[in-house]
Amino acid sequence: MKCNICENNCYIHEGSAGKCGMYLNLGGGIFERNPDGYLIISPITIETMPMLHYMPRGKFLQISTVGCNFDCPGCISTVIVKEMGRGPTWLQRKKPDEIVQKAMNEGCLGICFLMNDPLASWPTFISVANKAKEKGLFVGCSSNAFFTEDSLRQAISCLDFINVGLKGFSEESYQRCGAASSKPVWRNIERLFRAGVHVEISCTYRKDGKEELFDIAHSIAAISEDIPLQIMRFIPMEDADPALEVSIKEAEETSLMLREYLHYVYLFNSPGTDHLTTYCINCGESVLKRDFYGPMGARLKSSKTAVNGGVKCGACGKTLPVESGNKIIPTDFYREADFQGGYPFTRALEILESIVIAMGINRQDIIVHVWNEYADRKVLHKLHQDVQNPDAFIDLVRSIGRSTGCLEKASRLAGYLESKLNFIRDKTALLENKQRVYYAMGKPLFCIKGERMENRLVEIAGGISMNKRLEIAGRPGETISVDQLNELNPEVMFISAFISSTVEDFYEDCINLGISVEAVKNKRIYAHSAPGWDFGSPRWILGLMNIAVLLHPEHFDFDLQSSADEFYETFYNIPFTPDDINRSFSKPSSKLRLLMDKQ
C-alpha cells in the first residue's frame, strides 16, 4: 500500500514500515507508529525555532516527536531522528486538546513543531494544528517540505508560518539525504507562499555547497526577494567530514554576497556575528538586533521599530516584511530553561551519550536507557548544572555507571578524570601569579557565561576568569561591546573548542574591532587542538591540561599529543586522529558507529 504523506512515496507491505520507519501498513491501512507521542512539549521564543520575521519575541509551545523522512549526513538532530529508536517508551502521550490547552495555559501565541520533521508524525501534527486553529492560535513548523499534493493541501489549510529547511539545490544534495529530487520542495515553497503562509527558508552551508547557495538565492528571489534566507553554517556532527565546516569569516563574506539577490540574509551558528540582525534596506539602520542563542537559534536583543500597520524602521519609517499582528514587539520575552527549548536539548542527550561511549560502551539500547533516566525537565536542570562543574561531572559518570550496571567501566573513567583534575588543582592552589583570562566562542566579542565549564577549567588551571566579572545572559553567552572587553583587559584569550575560529581569524577580528587588550598586543590567543576539549564530553580533561600548560609552563609539562593518544586508546580504543574529529560532543571520531538495535 502506498504512503501518501511525503514524496518518498513508499510502498509499504502488510505488517511493514516505510522508509522513515514511522508509518506501518496494518490491515490494509497506513497508521502512525507513535500517535500523540511527544518527546518535547515546552515553551520557546519564536527566534529559537528559528523564525526571524514572524511575531518577534513571541512565545510559542514547541512540540517535537522522533523520526524523520530524510537521513542527512551529520544531522544535528541525529539523536532524536535516528539513535533514539522509532518508539521510545518514555514519549509523553497527550491528546490534541491537551496540547492546545497547555499552550493556552502557558500564554503562548501558538504552537510550532520543530527539531524533527512533522512529516514523521503528520496525523498527530495535523490534529493538533486543527484544534489550535479552532482556539485562535497560530500554527507553524520547521520542515523539509517534502509534502505530497495531499499533505500540502493539509498544510496550507492550517499553517500560518513555516521554516523550510533546504538540503541544498542540486539533485545530488537531496539524494545524499535519501530523497529522489528537490523539485517537490520548490513546488511546495511557491504554493505555500502564494497561499499566504509566512515562509522563511534555511539552508546548511558546507564547504562544498557555496555555489548551490547562490542557486538557492536566485530561486527564492524569483518568488520574492523579501523571503528571509537563514544560512546555517555547517557544524559537522556524527559521521560528517570535519573538512566540510566553513569558517565564520568565510560564511560572513558569503552572506554579504547573497544580499545582492535577497533583501534579508541571516547567518546562524556563528557566535558574535552581526549577520543575525535585520537592517533596513532603505536607510541601512539596524532595526532588529539579534544574537547567537545556541545551535540553530537566535535571540532578539533590541529593536528600533515603529508599529503602525506593520513593523517599520524607527529611523526612516520603511515598512519591513515582518509579521507582528500589528502589535508592539514585547520588551520582555520568555527565557527557556537550560537544556529546554530548541536544539540545546539534543546537546544534553549528546553529553550523556559522550559519557557512555567514553565508558567503552557504544550500544544504542544502553544509551537510550540513560536518556530515559534524564529526560525529565527537573533532571535536565540538574544535568545542566552538573556538566558545568568538573567534580559534579565526575559524580555524573559514576551515577551513569550505577544506572547501567557498568560501574567498573565508569569508575575507570571517573578515576582518570579525578586523578588529572586533582594533580592540576593541587599544583595551582598556592600560585600567586595568576593571569587574567577571557573565554570567547566563535568571534572575540561573544563572551561565554561565567558559570560555564570553560571558565571553571580556567580557574582550576591557575587563571582568573574575567568572564565572571560580567553579568552575561544568553545561551551559552552573549555578545559584549569592545569597551567592555577592553576594560577587562585579559592577558590571555581562549577560543571555544565547540564553535570556534582559527587564531588568525580571531586575531584579525580583534584588530579590526579595535580590541586593544594585553592578549592581543602579545598575541596570546589560543585554540584547543581538537573539538570537545573544553565542554560537552569527558575530553574536557584534555582541555584542562592544555590550559594549564599554556598558563603555567613553568609548572606543567604535559605532552598534549601523548595525553590525547593515551585517552583515546584507553577509553575509545581508537587512535587520536584530529582530522577525523568533528564538532560532535558524543562521538570522539566521525568514524565511530553505534551498535544499533533492530527496529
Protein backbone atom coordinates (compact mmCIF):
# COMPACT_ATOMS: atom_id res chain seq x y z
CA MET A 1 0.00 0.00 0.00
CA LYS A 2 1.32 3.46 -0.90
CA CYS A 3 2.03 6.02 1.84
CA ASN A 4 0.94 9.43 0.59
CA ILE A 5 2.39 11.63 3.33
CA CYS A 6 5.72 12.59 1.76
CA GLU A 7 7.24 12.43 -1.70
CA ASN A 8 9.30 9.36 -0.82
CA ASN A 9 6.08 7.64 -1.94
CA CYS A 10 6.85 4.44 -0.05
CA TYR A 11 5.00 1.28 -0.99
CA ILE A 12 4.54 -0.47 2.35
CA HIS A 13 3.75 -4.16 2.56
CA GLU A 14 1.33 -5.51 5.17
CA GLY A 15 2.94 -5.54 8.61
CA SER A 16 5.93 -3.50 7.46
CA ALA A 17 7.12 0.09 7.85
CA GLY A 18 8.04 2.69 5.27
CA LYS A 19 11.43 4.26 4.69
CA CYS A 20 11.20 6.58 7.71
CA GLY A 21 10.01 3.76 9.94
CA MET A 22 7.26 5.94 11.39
CA TYR A 23 4.29 4.54 9.42
CA LEU A 24 3.02 0.96 9.31
CA ASN A 25 0.69 -0.94 6.98
CA LEU A 26 -1.73 -2.64 9.34
CA GLY A 27 -4.82 -4.32 7.98
CA GLY A 28 -4.66 -2.51 4.68
CA GLY A 29 -4.30 0.98 6.17
CA ILE A 30 -1.37 3.31 6.85
CA PHE A 31 -1.04 4.05 10.57
CA GLU A 32 1.28 6.28 12.56
CA ARG A 33 3.68 4.37 14.80
CA ASN A 34 3.54 6.82 17.74
CA PRO A 35 0.23 8.70 17.59
CA ASP A 36 0.01 11.54 20.13
CA GLY A 37 3.51 10.71 21.40
CA TYR A 38 5.83 13.66 22.14
CA LEU A 39 9.47 13.88 23.07
CA ILE A 40 9.27 17.60 23.91
CA ILE A 41 6.39 19.86 24.93
CA SER A 42 7.92 23.14 26.06
CA PRO A 43 7.52 26.91 25.56
CA ILE A 44 10.08 28.77 23.46
CA THR A 45 10.57 32.20 21.95
CA ILE A 46 9.98 32.13 18.21
CA GLU A 47 13.58 33.09 17.37
CA THR A 48 14.69 29.80 18.97
CA MET A 49 12.79 27.84 16.31
CA PRO A 50 14.17 29.84 14.42
CA MET A 51 11.76 32.32 12.79
CA LEU A 52 13.03 35.87 12.42
CA HIS A 53 10.26 37.75 10.62
CA TYR A 54 7.25 36.30 12.43
CA MET A 55 5.90 37.58 15.75
CA PRO A 56 9.26 38.80 17.12
CA ARG A 57 9.83 37.62 20.71
CA GLY A 58 6.55 35.71 20.54
CA LYS A 59 6.10 32.83 22.96
CA PHE A 60 5.09 29.55 21.32
CA LEU A 61 4.68 25.99 22.51
CA GLN A 62 7.29 23.73 20.95
CA ILE A 63 6.27 20.17 20.17
CA SER A 64 8.71 17.54 18.91
CA THR A 65 8.47 13.80 18.36
CA VAL A 66 11.01 11.31 16.98
CA GLY A 67 11.98 10.23 13.49
CA CYS A 68 12.40 11.87 10.09
CA ASN A 69 11.62 11.09 6.46
CA PHE A 70 15.15 12.13 5.45
CA ASP A 71 18.53 10.73 6.52
CA CYS A 72 21.00 13.61 6.24
CA PRO A 73 24.72 13.11 6.96
CA GLY A 74 25.87 14.99 10.06
CA CYS A 75 22.35 15.94 11.17
CA ILE A 76 22.34 17.92 14.42
CA SER A 77 19.15 16.06 15.43
CA THR A 78 20.57 12.56 14.87
CA VAL A 79 19.98 11.63 18.49
CA ILE A 80 16.21 12.09 18.13
CA VAL A 81 15.64 11.21 14.48
CA LYS A 82 17.72 8.04 14.40
CA GLU A 83 19.52 6.93 17.56
CA MET A 84 16.57 7.19 19.91
CA GLY A 85 14.71 4.46 18.07
CA ARG A 86 11.32 4.62 16.47
CA GLY A 87 9.16 4.14 19.52
CA PRO A 88 10.79 5.01 22.85
CA THR A 89 8.56 4.03 25.73
CA TRP A 90 9.00 7.36 27.51
CA LEU A 91 7.28 9.57 24.96
CA GLN A 92 4.68 11.83 26.56
CA ARG A 93 1.18 10.80 25.44
CA LYS A 94 -1.06 13.83 25.00
CA LYS A 95 -4.29 14.27 23.07
CA PRO A 96 -4.58 17.28 20.73
CA ASP A 97 -6.90 19.05 23.18
CA GLU A 98 -4.31 18.67 25.94
CA ILE A 99 -1.54 20.17 23.81
CA VAL A 100 -3.70 23.14 22.84
CA GLN A 101 -4.80 23.68 26.43
CA LYS A 102 -1.18 23.67 27.62
CA ALA A 103 -0.32 26.29 25.00
CA MET A 104 -3.16 28.48 26.24
CA ASN A 105 -2.30 27.92 29.91
CA GLU A 106 1.32 28.95 29.19
CA GLY A 107 0.17 32.15 27.49
CA CYS A 108 1.56 31.08 24.11
CA LEU A 109 0.58 32.74 20.85
CA GLY A 110 0.56 29.38 19.13
CA ILE A 111 2.18 26.01 18.55
CA CYS A 112 5.24 25.11 16.48
CA PHE A 113 6.69 21.75 15.54
CA LEU A 114 10.49 21.62 15.29
CA MET A 115 13.73 19.66 15.70
CA ASN A 116 12.46 16.59 13.89
CA ASP A 117 10.18 16.81 10.85
CA PRO A 118 6.39 16.90 11.30
CA LEU A 119 6.15 14.59 8.29
CA ALA A 120 7.34 11.83 10.67
CA SER A 121 4.19 12.42 12.78
CA TRP A 122 1.87 14.01 10.25
CA PRO A 123 -1.55 12.82 11.52
CA THR A 124 -0.61 13.89 15.05
CA PHE A 125 0.59 17.30 13.91
CA ILE A 126 -2.44 17.97 11.71
CA SER A 127 -4.81 17.00 14.53
CA VAL A 128 -3.08 19.42 16.91
CA ALA A 129 -2.92 22.13 14.25
CA ASN A 130 -6.63 21.96 13.52
CA LYS A 131 -7.52 22.09 17.23
CA ALA A 132 -5.17 25.05 17.70
CA LYS A 133 -6.77 26.94 14.83
CA GLU A 134 -10.20 26.39 16.39
CA LYS A 135 -8.92 28.18 19.50
CA GLY A 136 -7.43 31.08 17.55
CA LEU A 137 -3.80 30.03 17.99
CA PHE A 138 -1.10 30.40 15.34
CA VAL A 139 0.47 27.23 13.95
CA GLY A 140 3.85 26.67 12.33
CA CYS A 141 6.62 24.18 11.81
CA SER A 142 10.14 23.57 10.61
CA SER A 143 10.09 21.03 7.80
CA ASN A 144 11.96 19.77 4.76
CA ALA A 145 8.65 20.44 2.97
CA PHE A 146 8.74 17.14 1.09
CA PHE A 147 4.94 17.24 1.08
CA THR A 148 2.82 15.33 -1.40
CA GLU A 149 -0.05 17.20 -3.04
CA ASP A 150 -2.36 15.78 -0.37
CA SER A 151 -0.23 16.70 2.63
CA LEU A 152 0.49 20.11 1.09
CA ARG A 153 -3.24 20.85 0.95
CA GLN A 154 -3.50 19.91 4.62
CA ALA A 155 -0.51 22.11 5.45
CA ILE A 156 -1.90 25.13 3.63
CA SER A 157 -5.21 24.77 5.44
CA CYS A 158 -3.67 25.11 8.90
CA LEU A 159 -0.17 26.64 8.71
CA ASP A 160 0.46 30.30 9.48
CA PHE A 161 4.25 30.06 9.18
CA ILE A 162 6.93 27.60 8.14
CA ASN A 163 10.71 27.37 8.13
CA VAL A 164 11.61 25.23 5.11
CA GLY A 165 14.95 23.51 5.61
CA LEU A 166 16.64 23.04 2.25
CA LYS A 167 19.27 20.32 1.89
CA GLY A 168 20.95 22.11 -0.98
CA PHE A 169 19.91 22.94 -4.51
CA SER A 170 21.14 20.05 -6.64
CA GLU A 171 19.52 16.67 -7.02
CA GLU A 172 22.73 15.20 -5.62
CA SER A 173 22.28 17.15 -2.36
CA TYR A 174 18.83 15.68 -1.89
CA GLN A 175 19.90 12.18 -2.87
CA ARG A 176 22.57 12.42 -0.16
CA CYS A 177 19.67 12.71 2.31
CA GLY A 178 17.79 9.80 0.75
CA ALA A 179 15.34 11.87 -1.32
CA ALA A 180 14.98 11.47 -5.07
CA SER A 181 14.66 15.13 -6.03
CA SER A 182 14.40 18.72 -4.84
CA LYS A 183 11.59 19.53 -7.29
CA PRO A 184 8.67 18.83 -4.89
CA VAL A 185 10.25 21.15 -2.31
CA TRP A 186 10.40 24.13 -4.67
CA ARG A 187 6.87 23.42 -5.86
CA ASN A 188 5.70 23.43 -2.26
CA ILE A 189 7.60 26.59 -1.28
CA GLU A 190 5.93 28.57 -4.03
CA ARG A 191 2.49 27.15 -3.29
CA LEU A 192 2.82 27.89 0.44
CA PHE A 193 3.99 31.44 -0.24
CA ARG A 194 1.22 32.14 -2.77
CA ALA A 195 -1.33 30.76 -0.31
CA GLY A 196 -0.35 33.40 2.26
CA VAL A 197 1.70 31.21 4.61
CA HIS A 198 4.66 33.14 6.06
CA VAL A 199 7.73 31.38 4.63
CA GLU A 200 11.33 31.54 5.78
CA ILE A 201 13.98 29.31 4.24
CA SER A 202 17.03 27.82 5.90
CA CYS A 203 19.92 26.03 4.25
CA THR A 204 23.09 24.43 5.51
CA TYR A 205 26.31 25.99 4.23
CA ARG A 206 29.03 23.38 3.71
CA LYS A 207 32.45 23.80 2.11
CA ASP A 208 31.21 22.03 -1.00
CA GLY A 209 27.96 23.98 -1.20
CA LYS A 210 28.78 27.63 -1.86
CA GLU A 211 27.65 27.64 -5.49
CA GLU A 212 24.38 25.99 -4.51
CA LEU A 213 23.68 28.83 -2.08
CA PHE A 214 23.65 31.27 -4.97
CA ASP A 215 21.37 28.97 -6.97
CA ILE A 216 19.06 28.89 -3.95
CA ALA A 217 19.12 32.68 -3.60
CA HIS A 218 18.23 33.12 -7.29
CA SER A 219 15.32 30.67 -6.97
CA ILE A 220 13.98 32.35 -3.82
CA ALA A 221 14.26 35.79 -5.43
CA ALA A 222 12.15 34.54 -8.33
CA ILE A 223 9.35 34.00 -5.79
CA SER A 224 10.06 37.05 -3.60
CA GLU A 225 13.19 38.98 -2.64
CA ASP A 226 11.63 39.54 0.79
CA ILE A 227 11.65 35.86 1.82
CA PRO A 228 14.28 35.59 4.60
CA LEU A 229 17.13 33.17 3.93
CA GLN A 230 18.75 31.64 7.01
CA ILE A 231 22.26 30.35 6.35
CA MET A 232 23.08 27.56 8.78
CA ARG A 233 26.87 27.43 8.88
CA PHE A 234 27.58 23.71 8.91
CA ILE A 235 28.58 22.29 12.27
CA PRO A 236 29.82 18.80 11.34
CA MET A 237 28.32 16.22 13.67
CA GLU A 238 28.09 12.43 13.79
CA ASP A 239 29.67 10.94 10.64
CA ALA A 240 30.19 14.27 8.83
CA ASP A 241 33.64 15.10 7.48
CA PRO A 242 35.20 17.88 9.63
CA ALA A 243 36.72 19.37 6.47
CA LEU A 244 33.23 20.42 5.32
CA GLU A 245 32.99 23.13 8.00
CA VAL A 246 33.12 26.68 6.66
CA SER A 247 34.86 29.31 8.80
CA ILE A 248 32.78 32.10 10.32
CA LYS A 249 34.82 34.61 8.34
CA GLU A 250 34.07 32.93 5.01
CA ALA A 251 30.41 32.46 5.93
CA GLU A 252 30.06 36.17 6.69
CA GLU A 253 31.63 37.08 3.37
CA THR A 254 29.23 34.76 1.55
CA SER A 255 26.27 36.14 3.48
CA LEU A 256 27.10 39.64 2.27
CA MET A 257 27.31 38.48 -1.33
CA LEU A 258 23.92 36.77 -1.09
CA ARG A 259 22.36 40.07 -0.03
CA GLU A 260 22.85 41.22 -3.61
CA TYR A 261 20.00 38.87 -4.53
CA LEU A 262 17.82 38.81 -1.41
CA HIS A 263 16.93 41.60 0.99
CA TYR A 264 17.22 39.53 4.16
CA VAL A 265 20.02 37.00 4.62
CA TYR A 266 20.97 35.78 8.09
CA LEU A 267 23.89 33.72 9.39
CA PHE A 268 23.46 31.17 12.18
CA ASN A 269 25.91 29.04 14.17
CA SER A 270 28.39 31.92 14.26
CA PRO A 271 28.60 33.43 17.79
CA GLY A 272 29.42 37.13 17.78
CA THR A 273 28.34 37.79 14.20
CA ASP A 274 26.20 40.81 13.36
CA HIS A 275 24.68 38.88 10.44
CA LEU A 276 21.66 37.88 12.53
CA THR A 277 20.46 41.48 12.66
CA THR A 278 17.73 42.90 10.40
CA TYR A 279 18.86 46.08 8.67
CA CYS A 280 16.55 48.49 6.90
CA ILE A 281 17.01 48.07 3.13
CA ASN A 282 16.14 51.76 2.70
CA CYS A 283 18.47 53.55 5.13
CA GLY A 284 20.70 50.78 6.50
CA GLU A 285 19.65 51.28 10.12
CA SER A 286 19.85 48.32 12.50
CA VAL A 287 16.19 47.58 13.24
CA LEU A 288 16.03 44.15 14.90
CA LYS A 289 19.32 43.33 16.63
CA ARG A 290 19.81 39.64 17.35
CA ASP A 291 22.45 37.45 18.92
CA PHE A 292 23.53 33.81 18.71
CA TYR A 293 21.39 31.67 21.02
CA GLY A 294 22.82 28.19 20.74
CA PRO A 295 22.98 25.97 17.65
CA MET A 296 20.36 26.93 15.05
CA GLY A 297 18.93 29.60 17.36
CA ALA A 298 18.78 33.39 17.72
CA ARG A 299 17.67 35.88 20.36
CA LEU A 300 16.24 39.34 19.75
CA LYS A 301 18.29 41.72 21.92
CA SER A 302 16.82 45.08 20.91
CA SER A 303 14.56 46.71 18.34
CA LYS A 304 14.28 50.18 16.84
CA THR A 305 10.83 50.00 15.35
CA ALA A 306 7.61 51.91 14.99
CA VAL A 307 4.40 49.91 14.70
CA ASN A 308 1.62 51.45 12.67
CA GLY A 309 0.09 48.97 10.29
CA GLY A 310 3.23 46.81 10.46
CA VAL A 311 6.82 46.78 11.67
CA LYS A 312 8.62 49.89 10.44
CA CYS A 313 12.18 51.16 10.64
CA GLY A 314 12.41 53.54 13.57
CA ALA A 315 14.74 55.81 11.60
CA CYS A 316 13.11 56.24 8.18
CA GLY A 317 9.68 54.64 8.55
CA LYS A 318 10.21 51.96 5.89
CA THR A 319 7.80 49.06 6.40
CA LEU A 320 9.59 45.74 6.86
CA PRO A 321 8.18 42.35 5.82
CA VAL A 322 7.87 41.25 9.44
CA GLU A 323 4.56 39.81 10.62
CA SER A 324 3.72 41.15 14.07
CA GLY A 325 -0.07 41.10 14.10
CA ASN A 326 0.10 44.92 14.32
CA LYS A 327 1.32 44.54 17.89
CA ILE A 328 4.24 46.30 19.51
CA ILE A 329 7.25 44.00 19.88
CA PRO A 330 7.40 42.97 23.56
CA THR A 331 10.22 44.47 25.60
CA ASP A 332 10.42 41.31 27.69
CA PHE A 333 10.44 37.73 26.46
CA TYR A 334 10.24 34.15 27.64
CA ARG A 335 13.59 32.65 28.63
CA GLU A 336 13.97 28.93 28.05
CA ALA A 337 15.39 26.94 30.94
CA ASP A 338 18.83 25.39 30.49
CA PHE A 339 18.55 22.47 28.03
CA GLN A 340 14.89 23.25 27.29
CA GLY A 341 13.68 24.77 24.05
CA GLY A 342 15.13 24.15 20.61
CA TYR A 343 18.32 22.30 19.80
CA PRO A 344 20.14 22.54 23.19
CA PHE A 345 18.00 19.54 24.22
CA THR A 346 19.89 17.47 21.64
CA ARG A 347 23.17 18.70 23.15
CA ALA A 348 22.04 17.36 26.54
CA LEU A 349 21.42 13.94 25.02
CA GLU A 350 24.80 14.05 23.29
CA ILE A 351 26.62 14.87 26.54
CA LEU A 352 25.05 11.85 28.22
CA GLU A 353 25.94 9.72 25.21
CA SER A 354 29.53 11.01 25.35
CA ILE A 355 29.93 9.61 28.86
CA VAL A 356 28.55 6.20 27.94
CA ILE A 357 30.81 5.98 24.87
CA ALA A 358 33.87 7.01 26.93
CA MET A 359 32.99 4.18 29.31
CA GLY A 360 33.66 1.89 26.36
CA ILE A 361 30.00 1.25 25.51
CA ASN A 362 28.56 2.04 22.09
CA ARG A 363 25.28 0.12 22.29
CA GLN A 364 22.13 2.01 21.38
CA ASP A 365 19.97 0.24 23.97
CA ILE A 366 22.19 1.33 26.88
CA ILE A 367 22.43 4.90 25.60
CA VAL A 368 18.65 5.12 25.23
CA HIS A 369 18.29 3.74 28.78
CA VAL A 370 20.45 6.61 30.06
CA TRP A 371 18.45 9.16 28.08
CA ASN A 372 15.31 7.76 29.65
CA GLU A 373 16.76 8.37 33.12
CA TYR A 374 17.46 12.05 32.39
CA ALA A 375 14.55 13.06 30.13
CA ASP A 376 12.53 14.75 32.87
CA ARG A 377 12.67 18.57 32.90
CA LYS A 378 13.74 18.75 36.56
CA VAL A 379 16.51 16.23 35.97
CA LEU A 380 17.64 18.16 32.88
CA HIS A 381 18.02 21.28 35.03
CA LYS A 382 20.37 19.43 37.39
CA LEU A 383 22.20 17.89 34.45
CA HIS A 384 22.86 21.35 33.04
CA GLN A 385 24.42 22.37 36.35
CA ASP A 386 26.45 19.16 36.70
CA VAL A 387 28.09 19.35 33.28
CA GLN A 388 29.41 22.84 34.11
CA ASN A 389 31.39 21.57 37.10
CA PRO A 390 34.27 19.08 36.82
CA ASP A 391 33.58 17.45 40.19
CA ALA A 392 29.86 17.11 39.52
CA PHE A 393 30.66 15.78 36.04
CA ILE A 394 32.76 13.02 37.60
CA ASP A 395 29.92 12.19 40.00
CA LEU A 396 27.62 12.02 36.97
CA VAL A 397 29.94 9.47 35.34
CA ARG A 398 29.68 7.23 38.40
CA SER A 399 25.91 7.73 38.57
CA ILE A 400 25.55 6.60 34.96
CA GLY A 401 27.75 3.62 35.76
CA ARG A 402 25.38 2.57 38.54
CA SER A 403 22.31 3.16 36.38
CA THR A 404 23.63 0.99 33.56
CA GLY A 405 25.17 -1.73 35.71
CA CYS A 406 28.59 -0.79 34.36
CA LEU A 407 30.13 0.73 37.49
CA GLU A 408 33.57 -0.75 36.87
CA LYS A 409 33.80 0.89 33.44
CA ALA A 410 32.51 4.18 34.86
CA SER A 411 34.94 4.05 37.79
CA ARG A 412 37.89 3.67 35.43
CA LEU A 413 36.85 6.81 33.52
CA ALA A 414 35.96 8.75 36.68
CA GLY A 415 39.24 7.77 38.32
CA TYR A 416 41.27 9.01 35.38
CA LEU A 417 39.45 12.35 35.29
CA GLU A 418 39.77 12.73 39.05
CA SER A 419 43.48 11.98 39.20
CA LYS A 420 44.38 14.51 36.48
CA LEU A 421 42.00 17.11 37.92
CA ASN A 422 43.41 16.81 41.43
CA PHE A 423 47.01 16.86 40.18
CA ILE A 424 46.43 20.18 38.43
CA ARG A 425 44.32 21.60 41.23
CA ASP A 426 46.94 20.79 43.86
CA LYS A 427 49.71 22.47 41.85
CA THR A 428 47.77 25.68 41.21
CA ALA A 429 46.19 26.05 44.65
CA LEU A 430 49.01 28.14 46.07
CA LEU A 431 50.01 30.04 42.94
CA GLU A 432 50.24 33.79 43.38
CA ASN A 433 50.92 34.68 39.75
CA LYS A 434 47.53 34.18 38.11
CA GLN A 435 46.80 35.69 34.72
CA ARG A 436 43.58 37.33 33.56
CA VAL A 437 41.82 35.03 31.07
CA TYR A 438 38.89 35.68 28.74
CA TYR A 439 36.98 32.87 27.00
CA ALA A 440 35.14 33.54 23.73
CA MET A 441 33.04 31.41 21.43
CA GLY A 442 33.36 31.97 17.70
CA LYS A 443 34.26 35.66 17.43
CA PRO A 444 36.06 37.79 20.05
CA LEU A 445 33.04 39.64 21.45
CA PHE A 446 30.90 36.58 22.18
CA CYS A 447 31.51 36.16 25.90
CA ILE A 448 30.80 32.74 27.42
CA LYS A 449 28.80 32.91 30.65
CA GLY A 450 30.93 32.92 33.78
CA GLU A 451 29.40 29.83 35.35
CA ARG A 452 30.16 27.57 32.40
CA MET A 453 32.65 24.69 32.42
CA GLU A 454 35.19 26.53 30.27
CA ASN A 455 35.68 29.24 32.88
CA ARG A 456 35.87 26.73 35.71
CA LEU A 457 38.67 24.98 33.84
CA VAL A 458 40.50 28.30 33.58
CA GLU A 459 40.33 28.79 37.35
CA ILE A 460 41.43 25.23 38.13
CA ALA A 461 44.37 25.67 35.73
CA GLY A 462 45.52 28.73 37.67
CA GLY A 463 43.90 31.59 35.79
CA ILE A 464 41.50 34.38 36.72
CA SER A 465 38.27 34.10 34.75
CA MET A 466 37.42 37.60 33.54
CA ASN A 467 34.13 36.31 32.11
CA LYS A 468 32.86 36.09 35.67
CA ARG A 469 33.23 39.85 36.05
CA LEU A 470 30.30 40.40 33.67
CA GLU A 471 26.58 39.78 34.06
CA ILE A 472 26.01 37.64 31.00
CA ALA A 473 22.65 36.33 29.82
CA GLY A 474 22.01 34.42 26.63
CA ARG A 475 22.84 30.84 25.73
CA PRO A 476 25.72 29.97 26.14
CA GLY A 477 26.64 33.64 26.49
CA GLU A 478 26.15 36.89 24.62
CA THR A 479 27.92 39.48 22.53
CA ILE A 480 29.52 42.25 24.58
CA SER A 481 30.93 45.61 23.47
CA VAL A 482 34.51 46.42 22.56
CA ASP A 483 34.64 48.79 25.53
CA GLN A 484 33.59 46.01 27.91
CA LEU A 485 36.28 43.68 26.62
CA ASN A 486 38.96 46.37 26.66
CA GLU A 487 38.06 47.19 30.25
CA LEU A 488 38.52 43.53 31.24
CA ASN A 489 41.97 43.67 29.60
CA PRO A 490 42.68 39.92 29.63
CA GLU A 491 46.27 38.78 29.35
CA VAL A 492 45.22 35.52 27.69
CA MET A 493 42.27 34.67 25.43
CA PHE A 494 40.91 31.20 24.67
CA ILE A 495 38.60 30.26 21.81
CA SER A 496 35.87 27.69 22.48
CA ALA A 497 36.53 24.21 21.13
CA PHE A 498 32.85 23.79 20.18
CA ILE A 499 32.13 26.70 17.84
CA SER A 500 35.49 28.09 17.00
CA SER A 501 37.56 30.34 14.76
CA THR A 502 41.16 29.99 13.75
CA VAL A 503 43.57 32.00 15.86
CA GLU A 504 44.44 34.00 12.73
CA ASP A 505 40.81 34.97 12.00
CA PHE A 506 40.20 35.73 15.67
CA TYR A 507 43.26 37.99 15.87
CA GLU A 508 42.25 39.79 12.66
CA ASP A 509 38.78 40.42 14.13
CA CYS A 510 40.37 41.86 17.27
CA ILE A 511 42.47 44.30 15.23
CA ASN A 512 39.55 45.34 13.01
CA LEU A 513 37.26 45.88 16.01
CA GLY A 514 39.79 47.95 17.96
CA ILE A 515 40.30 45.42 20.75
CA SER A 516 43.48 46.57 22.45
CA VAL A 517 43.88 44.17 25.37
CA GLU A 518 47.17 42.65 26.54
CA ALA A 519 46.31 39.27 25.00
CA VAL A 520 46.06 40.86 21.56
CA LYS A 521 49.16 43.02 21.95
CA ASN A 522 51.21 39.99 22.96
CA LYS A 523 49.40 37.58 20.63
CA ARG A 524 48.42 35.29 23.48
CA ILE A 525 45.30 33.91 21.82
CA TYR A 526 44.86 30.15 21.92
CA ALA A 527 42.60 27.47 20.48
CA HIS A 528 42.43 23.83 21.53
CA SER A 529 43.91 21.03 19.46
CA ALA A 530 40.56 19.36 18.79
CA PRO A 531 36.81 19.87 19.36
CA GLY A 532 35.31 18.61 22.60
CA TRP A 533 38.26 19.63 24.75
CA ASP A 534 36.53 22.14 27.00
CA PHE A 535 32.84 21.21 27.20
CA GLY A 536 30.34 18.52 26.31
CA SER A 537 32.33 15.33 26.83
CA PRO A 538 34.87 13.77 29.20
CA ARG A 539 37.53 15.09 26.81
CA TRP A 540 37.37 18.34 28.80
CA ILE A 541 40.23 16.86 30.82
CA LEU A 542 42.49 17.30 27.78
CA GLY A 543 41.42 20.92 27.53
CA LEU A 544 42.22 21.47 31.20
CA MET A 545 45.70 20.07 30.66
CA ASN A 546 46.16 22.32 27.62
CA ILE A 547 45.05 25.44 29.52
CA ALA A 548 47.36 24.57 32.43
CA VAL A 549 50.39 24.21 30.12
CA LEU A 550 49.65 27.49 28.33
CA LEU A 551 49.08 29.47 31.54
CA HIS A 552 51.86 27.92 33.62
CA PRO A 553 54.50 26.16 31.52
CA GLU A 554 56.87 26.52 34.46
CA HIS A 555 54.69 24.11 36.48
CA PHE A 556 53.18 21.81 33.84
CA ASP A 557 54.88 19.90 31.06
CA PHE A 558 52.06 17.72 29.74
CA ASP A 559 52.73 16.36 26.27
CA LEU A 560 49.27 17.00 24.82
CA GLN A 561 49.77 14.72 21.83
CA SER A 562 50.78 11.83 24.09
CA SER A 563 47.98 12.60 26.56
CA ALA A 564 45.38 12.63 23.77
CA ASP A 565 46.79 9.38 22.36
CA GLU A 566 46.56 7.79 25.80
CA PHE A 567 43.00 9.00 26.40
CA TYR A 568 41.75 7.81 23.02
CA GLU A 569 43.43 4.41 23.24
CA THR A 570 42.30 3.86 26.83
CA PHE A 571 38.68 4.96 26.59
CA TYR A 572 37.75 4.71 22.91
CA ASN A 573 40.15 2.01 21.73
CA ILE A 574 40.95 4.11 18.66
CA PRO A 575 43.90 6.37 17.80
CA PHE A 576 43.72 10.12 18.29
CA THR A 577 43.38 11.42 14.73
CA PRO A 578 42.50 15.15 14.71
CA ASP A 579 41.45 15.12 11.05
CA ASP A 580 38.63 12.69 11.93
CA ILE A 581 37.26 14.70 14.87
CA ASN A 582 34.24 16.90 14.19
CA ARG A 583 32.01 19.01 16.46
CA SER A 584 30.01 16.12 17.90
CA PHE A 585 30.01 16.03 21.69
CA SER A 586 29.32 12.31 21.87
CA LYS A 587 31.38 10.79 19.06
CA PRO A 588 35.16 11.06 19.58
CA SER A 589 35.64 10.42 15.86
CA SER A 590 33.49 10.77 12.76
CA LYS A 591 34.42 7.14 12.05
CA LEU A 592 32.74 5.76 15.19
CA ARG A 593 29.41 3.94 14.74
CA LEU A 594 26.88 2.83 17.34
CA LEU A 595 25.65 -0.74 17.51
CA MET A 596 22.03 -0.06 16.58
CA ASP A 597 19.05 -2.15 17.69
CA LYS A 598 16.94 -3.78 15.03
CA GLN A 599 13.67 -1.85 14.69
